[in-house]
Amino acid sequence: MKPIKAVIFDFGNVLYNQPDVSWVRRWRKFFRWQDNGSAEALMARPENSEFIMNVMLGKVPESELWNELARRWKMGPFTVRLLQKSAVNRFRLNRPLIAFARSLRPDRLVSILSNAGSDLRKTYIQPYGFEDWMDDIVISAEVGMVKPDPAIYRLAVERLKVPAGQAVFVDDLAENVQAAIQAGLHAVHHTGNRSTLSALRSLFAQTG
């Protein structure tokens, strides 16, 4: 096998630990909001929600997620800001994996490929300095494609100017990993830092 020249990371739940349904439930319990499932619907996978899909494709501004959450839970601006602060903070950064990713340069290219809304760059990427050391960042809302569409993987490697067979993609969703493999990339299913680092190091050793 040819050597790996690029490592492409998903962002949410790989480099950054995103809030999940348990986060929604904790806040609902704290504020004693009605349990009608409406807020959880806003955290659905894109393929299960036209609204979320449109956010990921950039057709709907990401701010509409918070507006819709505020409407469903009847929250005022202060409470919305409180939830945003809980969802977006540096304590959610996966620092060990980020440190590993940074250590790969300059020997290998490093990038992000994320299904995310229009605010990812200004809310996470820029404040946490990812643009300072990443070679590229592909955000679904900016390019109008979402994983597992094969076209977005091809775009990611084309922008890095490397063959698909010399890139490895890391994602927490098995279907996105499988789609990357079908697009010609190597891929690692991220279920935890230890297994991901082991898989990447093993792949580097195999490919030289």
C-alpha atoms as a PDB file:
ATOM      1  CA  MET A   1       0.000   0.000   0.000  1.00  0.00           C
ATOM      2  CA  LYS A   2       1.067   3.540  -0.696  1.00  0.00           C
ATOM      3  CA  PRO A   3       1.866   5.744   2.300  1.00  0.00           C
ATOM      4  CA  ILE A   4      -0.867   7.778   3.961  1.00  0.00           C
ATOM      5  CA  LYS A   5      -0.460  11.434   3.035  1.00  0.00           C
ATOM      6  CA  ALA A   6      -3.605  12.876   4.639  1.00  0.00           C
ATOM      7  CA  VAL A   7      -5.768  12.256   7.694  1.00  0.00           C
ATOM      8  CA  ILE A   8      -9.291  13.657   7.576  1.00  0.00           C
ATOM      9  CA  PHE A   9     -11.260  13.960  10.806  1.00  0.00           C
ATOM     10  CA  ASP A  10     -14.964  14.368  11.414  1.00  0.00           C
ATOM     11  CA  PHE A  11     -15.586  17.179  13.897  1.00  0.00           C
ATOM     12  CA  GLY A  12     -18.646  16.393  16.034  1.00  0.00           C
ATOM     13  CA  ASN A  13     -18.071  13.523  18.473  1.00  0.00           C
ATOM     14  CA  VAL A  14     -14.548  13.049  17.141  1.00  0.00           C
ATOM     15  CA  LEU A  15     -12.570  16.251  17.707  1.00  0.00           C
ATOM     16  CA  TYR A  16     -15.386  17.802  19.719  1.00  0.00           C
ATOM     17  CA  ASN A  17     -17.845  16.067  22.054  1.00  0.00           C
ATOM     18  CA  GLN A  18     -21.216  17.388  20.989  1.00  0.00           C
ATOM     19  CA  PRO A  19     -24.296  17.537  23.237  1.00  0.00           C
ATOM     20  CA  ASP A  20     -26.625  14.572  22.844  1.00  0.00           C
ATOM     21  CA  VAL A  21     -30.166  13.717  23.862  1.00  0.00           C
ATOM     22  CA  SER A  22     -29.059  13.235  27.491  1.00  0.00           C
ATOM     23  CA  TRP A  23     -27.935  16.871  27.479  1.00  0.00           C
ATOM     24  CA  VAL A  24     -31.412  17.914  26.340  1.00  0.00           C
ATOM     25  CA  ARG A  25     -33.026  15.775  29.024  1.00  0.00           C
ATOM     26  CA  ARG A  26     -30.848  17.229  31.795  1.00  0.00           C
ATOM     27  CA  TRP A  27     -31.805  20.779  30.878  1.00  0.00           C
ATOM     28  CA  ARG A  28     -35.458  19.848  30.491  1.00  0.00           C
ATOM     29  CA  LYS A  29     -35.430  18.319  33.964  1.00  0.00           C
ATOM     30  CA  PHE A  30     -33.613  21.346  35.425  1.00  0.00           C
ATOM     31  CA  PHE A  31     -36.155  23.808  33.987  1.00  0.00           C
ATOM     32  CA  ARG A  32     -39.085  21.399  34.420  1.00  0.00           C
ATOM     33  CA  TRP A  33     -40.038  21.663  30.795  1.00  0.00           C
ATOM     34  CA  GLN A  34     -42.717  19.418  29.356  1.00  0.00           C
ATOM     35  CA  ASP A  35     -41.481  16.090  28.015  1.00  0.00           C
ATOM     36  CA  ASN A  36     -43.062  16.046  24.565  1.00  0.00           C
ATOM     37  CA  GLY A  37     -40.051  14.939  22.537  1.00  0.00           C
ATOM     38  CA  SER A  38     -40.019  18.113  20.469  1.00  0.00           C
ATOM     39  CA  ALA A  39     -36.516  19.196  21.483  1.00  0.00           C
ATOM     40  CA  GLU A  40     -35.039  15.770  20.819  1.00  0.00           C
ATOM     41  CA  ALA A  41     -36.438  16.026  17.288  1.00  0.00           C
ATOM     42  CA  LEU A  42     -34.078  18.955  16.711  1.00  0.00           C
ATOM     43  CA  MET A  43     -31.125  16.642  17.381  1.00  0.00           C
ATOM     44  CA  ALA A  44     -32.253  14.027  14.868  1.00  0.00           C
ATOM     45  CA  ARG A  45     -29.941  12.645  12.214  1.00  0.00           C
ATOM     46  CA  PRO A  46     -30.215  14.521   8.874  1.00  0.00           C
ATOM     47  CA  GLU A  47     -31.698  11.501   7.107  1.00  0.00           C
ATOM     48  CA  ASN A  48     -34.484  11.444   9.693  1.00  0.00           C
ATOM     49  CA  SER A  49     -35.369  15.141   9.571  1.00  0.00           C
ATOM     50  CA  GLU A  50     -35.894  17.408   6.580  1.00  0.00           C
ATOM     51  CA  PHE A  51     -35.248  20.429   8.812  1.00  0.00           C
ATOM     52  CA  ILE A  52     -31.893  19.108  10.042  1.00  0.00           C
ATOM     53  CA  MET A  53     -30.940  18.034   6.518  1.00  0.00           C
ATOM     54  CA  ASN A  54     -31.584  21.565   5.271  1.00  0.00           C
ATOM     55  CA  VAL A  55     -29.433  22.976   8.079  1.00  0.00           C
ATOM     56  CA  MET A  56     -26.602  20.592   7.166  1.00  0.00           C
ATOM     57  CA  LEU A  57     -26.929  21.520   3.470  1.00  0.00           C
ATOM     58  CA  GLY A  58     -26.798  25.226   4.256  1.00  0.00           C
ATOM     59  CA  LYS A  59     -30.342  25.840   3.057  1.00  0.00           C
ATOM     60  CA  VAL A  60     -31.459  26.912   6.545  1.00  0.00           C
ATOM     61  CA  PRO A  61     -29.231  29.077   8.806  1.00  0.00           C
ATOM     62  CA  GLU A  62     -27.998  27.202  11.874  1.00  0.00           C
ATOM     63  CA  SER A  63     -29.384  29.984  14.050  1.00  0.00           C
ATOM     64  CA  GLU A  64     -32.828  28.628  13.207  1.00  0.00           C
ATOM     65  CA  LEU A  65     -32.033  25.562  15.343  1.00  0.00           C
ATOM     66  CA  TRP A  66     -31.787  27.749  18.434  1.00  0.00           C
ATOM     67  CA  ASN A  67     -34.806  29.826  17.388  1.00  0.00           C
ATOM     68  CA  GLU A  68     -36.868  26.675  16.981  1.00  0.00           C
ATOM     69  CA  LEU A  69     -35.629  25.272  20.300  1.00  0.00           C
ATOM     70  CA  ALA A  70     -36.550  28.557  22.004  1.00  0.00           C
ATOM     71  CA  ARG A  71     -39.994  28.433  20.433  1.00  0.00           C
ATOM     72  CA  ARG A  72     -40.674  24.822  21.416  1.00  0.00           C
ATOM     73  CA  TRP A  73     -39.494  25.291  24.986  1.00  0.00           C
ATOM     74  CA  LYS A  74     -40.748  28.867  25.299  1.00  0.00           C
ATOM     75  CA  MET A  75     -37.303  30.140  26.310  1.00  0.00           C
ATOM     76  CA  GLY A  76     -36.224  33.753  26.629  1.00  0.00           C
ATOM     77  CA  PRO A  77     -32.887  35.132  25.320  1.00  0.00           C
ATOM     78  CA  PHE A  78     -31.073  34.609  28.650  1.00  0.00           C
ATOM     79  CA  THR A  79     -31.962  30.921  28.788  1.00  0.00           C
ATOM     80  CA  VAL A  80     -30.980  30.434  25.142  1.00  0.00           C
ATOM     81  CA  ARG A  81     -27.565  31.948  25.861  1.00  0.00           C
ATOM     82  CA  LEU A  82     -27.189  29.673  28.891  1.00  0.00           C
ATOM     83  CA  LEU A  83     -27.837  26.603  26.768  1.00  0.00           C
ATOM     84  CA  GLN A  84     -25.501  27.817  24.034  1.00  0.00           C
ATOM     85  CA  LYS A  85     -22.737  28.266  26.596  1.00  0.00           C
ATOM     86  CA  SER A  86     -23.315  24.718  27.814  1.00  0.00           C
ATOM     87  CA  ALA A  87     -23.251  23.323  24.280  1.00  0.00           C
ATOM     88  CA  VAL A  88     -20.284  25.346  23.039  1.00  0.00           C
ATOM     89  CA  ASN A  89     -17.308  25.387  25.383  1.00  0.00           C
ATOM     90  CA  ARG A  90     -13.672  24.331  25.331  1.00  0.00           C
ATOM     91  CA  PHE A  91     -14.253  21.562  27.872  1.00  0.00           C
ATOM     92  CA  ARG A  92     -15.922  19.579  25.108  1.00  0.00           C
ATOM     93  CA  LEU A  93     -12.775  19.572  22.958  1.00  0.00           C
ATOM     94  CA  ASN A  94     -11.233  16.114  22.539  1.00  0.00           C
ATOM     95  CA  ARG A  95      -7.794  17.362  23.477  1.00  0.00           C
ATOM     96  CA  PRO A  96      -5.870  14.050  23.238  1.00  0.00           C
ATOM     97  CA  LEU A  97      -7.078  13.431  19.686  1.00  0.00           C
ATOM     98  CA  ILE A  98      -6.491  17.048  18.714  1.00  0.00           C
ATOM     99  CA  ALA A  99      -2.928  16.831  20.059  1.00  0.00           C
ATOM    100  CA  PHE A 100      -2.363  13.686  18.006  1.00  0.00           C
ATOM    101  CA  ALA A 101      -3.770  15.340  14.892  1.00  0.00           C
ATOM    102  CA  ARG A 102      -1.448  18.308  15.342  1.00  0.00           C
ATOM    103  CA  SER A 103       1.519  15.973  15.770  1.00  0.00           C
ATOM    104  CA  LEU A 104       0.900  14.526  12.302  1.00  0.00           C
ATOM    105  CA  ARG A 105       1.990  17.726  10.639  1.00  0.00           C
ATOM    106  CA  PRO A 106       4.062  18.559   8.667  1.00  0.00           C
ATOM    107  CA  ASP A 107       4.665  14.946   7.614  1.00  0.00           C
ATOM    108  CA  ARG A 108       0.987  14.491   6.737  1.00  0.00           C
ATOM    109  CA  LEU A 109      -1.868  16.762   5.754  1.00  0.00           C
ATOM    110  CA  VAL A 110      -4.664  17.097   8.291  1.00  0.00           C
ATOM    111  CA  SER A 111      -8.209  18.286   7.636  1.00  0.00           C
ATOM    112  CA  ILE A 112     -11.798  18.288   8.858  1.00  0.00           C
ATOM    113  CA  LEU A 113     -14.815  16.929   6.979  1.00  0.00           C
ATOM    114  CA  SER A 114     -18.000  17.643   8.900  1.00  0.00           C
ATOM    115  CA  ASN A 115     -21.740  17.523   8.438  1.00  0.00           C
ATOM    116  CA  ALA A 116     -22.503  20.814  10.122  1.00  0.00           C
ATOM    117  CA  GLY A 117     -24.502  23.988   9.829  1.00  0.00           C
ATOM    118  CA  SER A 118     -23.525  27.455   8.744  1.00  0.00           C
ATOM    119  CA  ASP A 119     -22.191  28.510  12.163  1.00  0.00           C
ATOM    120  CA  LEU A 120     -19.566  25.785  12.664  1.00  0.00           C
ATOM    121  CA  ARG A 121     -16.671  27.881  11.400  1.00  0.00           C
ATOM    122  CA  LYS A 122     -17.403  30.997  13.457  1.00  0.00           C
ATOM    123  CA  THR A 123     -18.625  29.150  16.557  1.00  0.00           C
ATOM    124  CA  TYR A 124     -16.035  26.363  16.854  1.00  0.00           C
ATOM    125  CA  ILE A 125     -13.366  26.362  14.161  1.00  0.00           C
ATOM    126  CA  GLN A 126     -12.147  29.945  14.484  1.00  0.00           C
ATOM    127  CA  PRO A 127     -12.480  30.440  18.280  1.00  0.00           C
ATOM    128  CA  TYR A 128     -10.590  27.205  18.997  1.00  0.00           C
ATOM    129  CA  GLY A 129      -7.857  27.922  16.470  1.00  0.00           C
ATOM    130  CA  PHE A 130      -8.375  24.981  14.097  1.00  0.00           C
ATOM    131  CA  GLU A 131      -7.754  27.180  11.069  1.00  0.00           C
ATOM    132  CA  ASP A 132      -4.289  27.993  12.425  1.00  0.00           C
ATOM    133  CA  TRP A 133      -2.997  24.471  11.805  1.00  0.00           C
ATOM    134  CA  MET A 134      -5.491  22.524   9.699  1.00  0.00           C
ATOM    135  CA  ASP A 135      -4.659  22.167   6.009  1.00  0.00           C
ATOM    136  CA  ASP A 136      -8.312  22.308   4.987  1.00  0.00           C
ATOM    137  CA  ILE A 137     -11.815  22.317   6.466  1.00  0.00           C
ATOM    138  CA  VAL A 138     -14.837  21.022   4.549  1.00  0.00           C
ATOM    139  CA  ILE A 139     -18.226  21.889   6.087  1.00  0.00           C
ATOM    140  CA  SER A 140     -21.369  20.438   4.532  1.00  0.00           C
ATOM    141  CA  ALA A 141     -23.373  23.673   4.805  1.00  0.00           C
ATOM    142  CA  GLU A 142     -20.644  25.510   2.889  1.00  0.00           C
ATOM    143  CA  VAL A 143     -20.384  22.998   0.039  1.00  0.00           C
ATOM    144  CA  GLY A 144     -24.019  21.873  -0.232  1.00  0.00           C
ATOM    145  CA  MET A 145     -23.304  18.169   0.269  1.00  0.00           C
ATOM    146  CA  VAL A 146     -23.518  15.872   3.270  1.00  0.00           C
ATOM    147  CA  LYS A 147     -21.913  12.602   4.270  1.00  0.00           C
ATOM    148  CA  PRO A 148     -22.363   9.826   3.228  1.00  0.00           C
ATOM    149  CA  ASP A 149     -22.631  11.310  -0.274  1.00  0.00           C
ATOM    150  CA  PRO A 150     -19.513   9.997  -2.094  1.00  0.00           C
ATOM    151  CA  ALA A 151     -19.054  13.400  -3.710  1.00  0.00           C
ATOM    152  CA  ILE A 152     -18.131  15.087  -0.431  1.00  0.00           C
ATOM    153  CA  TYR A 153     -15.325  12.596   0.199  1.00  0.00           C
ATOM    154  CA  ARG A 154     -14.001  13.148  -3.308  1.00  0.00           C
ATOM    155  CA  LEU A 155     -14.125  16.890  -2.714  1.00  0.00           C
ATOM    156  CA  ALA A 156     -12.184  16.537   0.544  1.00  0.00           C
ATOM    157  CA  VAL A 157      -9.283  14.675  -1.061  1.00  0.00           C
ATOM    158  CA  GLU A 158      -9.316  16.842  -4.185  1.00  0.00           C
ATOM    159  CA  ARG A 159      -8.919  19.957  -2.052  1.00  0.00           C
ATOM    160  CA  LEU A 160      -5.958  18.346  -0.299  1.00  0.00           C
ATOM    161  CA  LYS A 161      -4.540  17.295  -3.699  1.00  0.00           C
ATOM    162  CA  VAL A 162      -3.987  13.686  -2.615  1.00  0.00           C
ATOM    163  CA  PRO A 163      -5.301  10.420  -4.117  1.00  0.00           C
ATOM    164  CA  ALA A 164      -8.189   8.882  -2.183  1.00  0.00           C
ATOM    165  CA  GLY A 165      -6.095   5.771  -1.553  1.00  0.00           C
ATOM    166  CA  GLN A 166      -3.524   7.836   0.344  1.00  0.00           C
ATOM    167  CA  ALA A 167      -6.012   9.427   2.729  1.00  0.00           C
ATOM    168  CA  VAL A 168      -7.689   8.064   5.852  1.00  0.00           C
ATOM    169  CA  PHE A 169     -10.995   9.316   7.228  1.00  0.00           C
ATOM    170  CA  VAL A 170     -12.053   9.155  10.904  1.00  0.00           C
ATOM    171  CA  ASP A 171     -15.748   9.327  11.840  1.00  0.00           C
ATOM    172  CA  ASP A 172     -17.965   8.198  14.713  1.00  0.00           C
ATOM    173  CA  LEU A 173     -20.769   6.964  12.427  1.00  0.00           C
ATOM    174  CA  ALA A 174     -20.296   3.575  10.807  1.00  0.00           C
ATOM    175  CA  GLU A 175     -22.218   4.506   7.659  1.00  0.00           C
ATOM    176  CA  ASN A 176     -19.944   7.472   7.037  1.00  0.00           C
ATOM    177  CA  VAL A 177     -16.899   5.261   7.513  1.00  0.00           C
ATOM    178  CA  GLN A 178     -18.258   2.713   5.052  1.00  0.00           C
ATOM    179  CA  ALA A 179     -19.050   5.437   2.521  1.00  0.00           C
ATOM    180  CA  ALA A 180     -15.474   6.724   2.766  1.00  0.00           C
ATOM    181  CA  ILE A 181     -14.149   3.226   2.056  1.00  0.00           C
ATOM    182  CA  GLN A 182     -16.458   2.951  -0.940  1.00  0.00           C
ATOM    183  CA  ALA A 183     -15.099   6.294  -2.155  1.00  0.00           C
ATOM    184  CA  GLY A 184     -11.597   4.796  -2.102  1.00  0.00           C
ATOM    185  CA  LEU A 185     -10.272   6.161   1.197  1.00  0.00           C
ATOM    186  CA  HIS A 186      -8.990   4.228   4.168  1.00  0.00           C
ATOM    187  CA  ALA A 187     -11.255   4.779   7.166  1.00  0.00           C
ATOM    188  CA  VAL A 188     -11.389   4.354  10.939  1.00  0.00           C
ATOM    189  CA  HIS A 189     -14.582   4.086  12.979  1.00  0.00           C
ATOM    190  CA  HIS A 190     -14.050   6.289  16.032  1.00  0.00           C
ATOM    191  CA  THR A 191     -15.486   4.688  19.162  1.00  0.00           C
ATOM    192  CA  GLY A 192     -12.847   6.015  21.550  1.00  0.00           C
ATOM    193  CA  ASN A 193      -9.432   7.645  21.509  1.00  0.00           C
ATOM    194  CA  ARG A 194      -7.468   4.508  22.346  1.00  0.00           C
ATOM    195  CA  SER A 195      -8.894   2.408  19.522  1.00  0.00           C
ATOM    196  CA  THR A 196      -8.702   5.262  17.011  1.00  0.00           C
ATOM    197  CA  LEU A 197      -5.071   6.055  17.777  1.00  0.00           C
ATOM    198  CA  SER A 198      -4.181   2.377  17.633  1.00  0.00           C
ATOM    199  CA  ALA A 199      -5.921   1.938  14.274  1.00  0.00           C
ATOM    200  CA  LEU A 200      -4.256   4.995  12.775  1.00  0.00           C
ATOM    201  CA  ARG A 201      -0.779   4.029  13.973  1.00  0.00           C
ATOM    202  CA  SER A 202      -1.262   0.519  12.651  1.00  0.00           C
ATOM    203  CA  LEU A 203      -2.316   1.896   9.278  1.00  0.00           C
ATOM    204  CA  PHE A 204       0.692   4.221   9.160  1.00  0.00           C
ATOM    205  CA  ALA A 205       2.980   1.283   9.923  1.00  0.00           C
ATOM    206  CA  GLN A 206       1.403  -0.867   7.205  1.00  0.00           C
ATOM    207  CA  THR A 207       1.651   1.818   4.554  1.00  0.00           C
ATOM    208  CA  GLY A 208       5.142   3.040   5.436  1.00  0.00           C
END
